[in-house]
Amino acid sequence: MSRISLTVHPSDNVSTLLDFQTDEKTTRDGLVLKASIPFGHKVARHDIAQGHAVIKYGVAIGKATTTIQAGEHVHVHNCC
């Protein structure tokens, strides 16, 4: 079974994971996860270059402090 993710706006470059199946590595829309990501946390939908905006709800919610690859966990370790 695949992970459930929510992408709110077409310009979002992150999705929020909405289940506890951390052993699953693919979302229902086909995004391959690079790590176990907890419920409620964000995953990069596309590569996000260092210094570029992290976009959720169609607005910038932070900036990538390092390059984030598609499928990677987006959290305080790589976003401010």
C-alpha atoms as a PDB file:
ATOM      1  CA  MET A   1       0.000   0.000   0.000  1.00  0.00           C
ATOM      2  CA  SER A   2       1.272   3.498  -0.832  1.00  0.00           C
ATOM      3  CA  ARG A   3       1.622   6.539   1.409  1.00  0.00           C
ATOM      4  CA  ILE A   4      -1.089   9.194   1.436  1.00  0.00           C
ATOM      5  CA  SER A   5       0.191  12.687   0.676  1.00  0.00           C
ATOM      6  CA  LEU A   6      -1.550  16.037   0.327  1.00  0.00           C
ATOM      7  CA  THR A   7      -0.516  18.740  -2.116  1.00  0.00           C
ATOM      8  CA  VAL A   8      -2.719  21.801  -1.706  1.00  0.00           C
ATOM      9  CA  HIS A   9      -1.722  24.128  -4.551  1.00  0.00           C
ATOM     10  CA  PRO A  10      -0.388  23.422  -8.061  1.00  0.00           C
ATOM     11  CA  SER A  11       2.749  25.494  -7.395  1.00  0.00           C
ATOM     12  CA  ASP A  12       3.651  23.600  -4.181  1.00  0.00           C
ATOM     13  CA  ASN A  13       7.052  21.918  -4.254  1.00  0.00           C
ATOM     14  CA  VAL A  14       6.315  19.930  -1.077  1.00  0.00           C
ATOM     15  CA  SER A  15       3.555  17.550   0.011  1.00  0.00           C
ATOM     16  CA  THR A  16       2.473  16.602   3.524  1.00  0.00           C
ATOM     17  CA  LEU A  17       2.383  12.910   4.462  1.00  0.00           C
ATOM     18  CA  LEU A  18      -0.920  11.905   6.065  1.00  0.00           C
ATOM     19  CA  ASP A  19      -0.364   8.379   7.351  1.00  0.00           C
ATOM     20  CA  PHE A  20       1.857   6.408   9.709  1.00  0.00           C
ATOM     21  CA  GLN A  21       3.184   3.894   7.155  1.00  0.00           C
ATOM     22  CA  THR A  22       6.821   4.957   7.471  1.00  0.00           C
ATOM     23  CA  ASP A  23       8.004   1.637   6.030  1.00  0.00           C
ATOM     24  CA  GLU A  24       6.341   2.462   2.673  1.00  0.00           C
ATOM     25  CA  LYS A  25       8.602   4.301   0.222  1.00  0.00           C
ATOM     26  CA  THR A  26       6.132   5.455  -2.461  1.00  0.00           C
ATOM     27  CA  THR A  27       3.199   7.867  -2.338  1.00  0.00           C
ATOM     28  CA  ARG A  28      -0.076   7.159  -4.123  1.00  0.00           C
ATOM     29  CA  ASP A  29       0.882   9.669  -6.834  1.00  0.00           C
ATOM     30  CA  GLY A  30       4.171   7.825  -7.493  1.00  0.00           C
ATOM     31  CA  LEU A  31       6.711   9.948  -5.600  1.00  0.00           C
ATOM     32  CA  VAL A  32       9.546   7.761  -4.295  1.00  0.00           C
ATOM     33  CA  LEU A  33      10.578   8.658  -0.730  1.00  0.00           C
ATOM     34  CA  LYS A  34      14.293   8.630   0.109  1.00  0.00           C
ATOM     35  CA  ALA A  35      13.754   8.036   3.856  1.00  0.00           C
ATOM     36  CA  SER A  36      11.153   7.181   6.473  1.00  0.00           C
ATOM     37  CA  ILE A  37       9.182  10.383   6.939  1.00  0.00           C
ATOM     38  CA  PRO A  38       6.775  10.770   9.883  1.00  0.00           C
ATOM     39  CA  PHE A  39       3.078  11.624   9.707  1.00  0.00           C
ATOM     40  CA  GLY A  40       2.466  15.334   9.141  1.00  0.00           C
ATOM     41  CA  HIS A  41       5.949  16.064   7.807  1.00  0.00           C
ATOM     42  CA  LYS A  42       6.796  17.419   4.374  1.00  0.00           C
ATOM     43  CA  VAL A  43       8.461  15.715   1.421  1.00  0.00           C
ATOM     44  CA  ALA A  44       9.989  17.490  -1.573  1.00  0.00           C
ATOM     45  CA  ARG A  45       7.961  16.869  -4.735  1.00  0.00           C
ATOM     46  CA  HIS A  46      10.744  18.209  -6.968  1.00  0.00           C
ATOM     47  CA  ASP A  47      14.388  19.127  -6.446  1.00  0.00           C
ATOM     48  CA  ILE A  48      14.680  22.395  -4.515  1.00  0.00           C
ATOM     49  CA  ALA A  49      17.969  24.244  -4.993  1.00  0.00           C
ATOM     50  CA  GLN A  50      19.791  25.734  -2.022  1.00  0.00           C
ATOM     51  CA  GLY A  51      18.444  29.221  -1.358  1.00  0.00           C
ATOM     52  CA  HIS A  52      15.173  28.636  -3.225  1.00  0.00           C
ATOM     53  CA  ALA A  53      11.737  28.879  -1.644  1.00  0.00           C
ATOM     54  CA  VAL A  54       9.934  25.944  -0.093  1.00  0.00           C
ATOM     55  CA  ILE A  55       6.350  26.402  -1.282  1.00  0.00           C
ATOM     56  CA  LYS A  56       3.272  25.041   0.500  1.00  0.00           C
ATOM     57  CA  TYR A  57      -0.305  26.319   0.167  1.00  0.00           C
ATOM     58  CA  GLY A  58       0.934  28.283  -2.854  1.00  0.00           C
ATOM     59  CA  VAL A  59       3.169  30.527  -0.709  1.00  0.00           C
ATOM     60  CA  ALA A  60       6.799  30.434   0.401  1.00  0.00           C
ATOM     61  CA  ILE A  61       7.017  28.964   3.909  1.00  0.00           C
ATOM     62  CA  GLY A  62      10.808  28.858   4.085  1.00  0.00           C
ATOM     63  CA  LYS A  63      14.047  28.626   2.175  1.00  0.00           C
ATOM     64  CA  ALA A  64      16.168  25.566   1.437  1.00  0.00           C
ATOM     65  CA  THR A  65      19.435  25.758   3.394  1.00  0.00           C
ATOM     66  CA  THR A  66      20.890  22.999   1.200  1.00  0.00           C
ATOM     67  CA  THR A  67      19.824  21.375  -2.054  1.00  0.00           C
ATOM     68  CA  ILE A  68      16.835  19.099  -1.357  1.00  0.00           C
ATOM     69  CA  GLN A  69      16.202  16.243  -3.764  1.00  0.00           C
ATOM     70  CA  ALA A  70      12.741  15.037  -4.781  1.00  0.00           C
ATOM     71  CA  GLY A  71      11.560  12.492  -2.201  1.00  0.00           C
ATOM     72  CA  GLU A  72      13.624  13.917   0.658  1.00  0.00           C
ATOM     73  CA  HIS A  73      12.254  14.927   4.046  1.00  0.00           C
ATOM     74  CA  VAL A  74      11.838  18.722   4.296  1.00  0.00           C
ATOM     75  CA  HIS A  75      12.212  19.923   7.884  1.00  0.00           C
ATOM     76  CA  VAL A  76      14.401  22.117  10.116  1.00  0.00           C
ATOM     77  CA  HIS A  77      17.600  20.277   9.073  1.00  0.00           C
ATOM     78  CA  ASN A  78      17.352  21.619   5.490  1.00  0.00           C
ATOM     79  CA  CYS A  79      14.862  24.494   5.594  1.00  0.00           C
ATOM     80  CA  CYS A  80      14.637  27.761   7.521  1.00  0.00           C
END
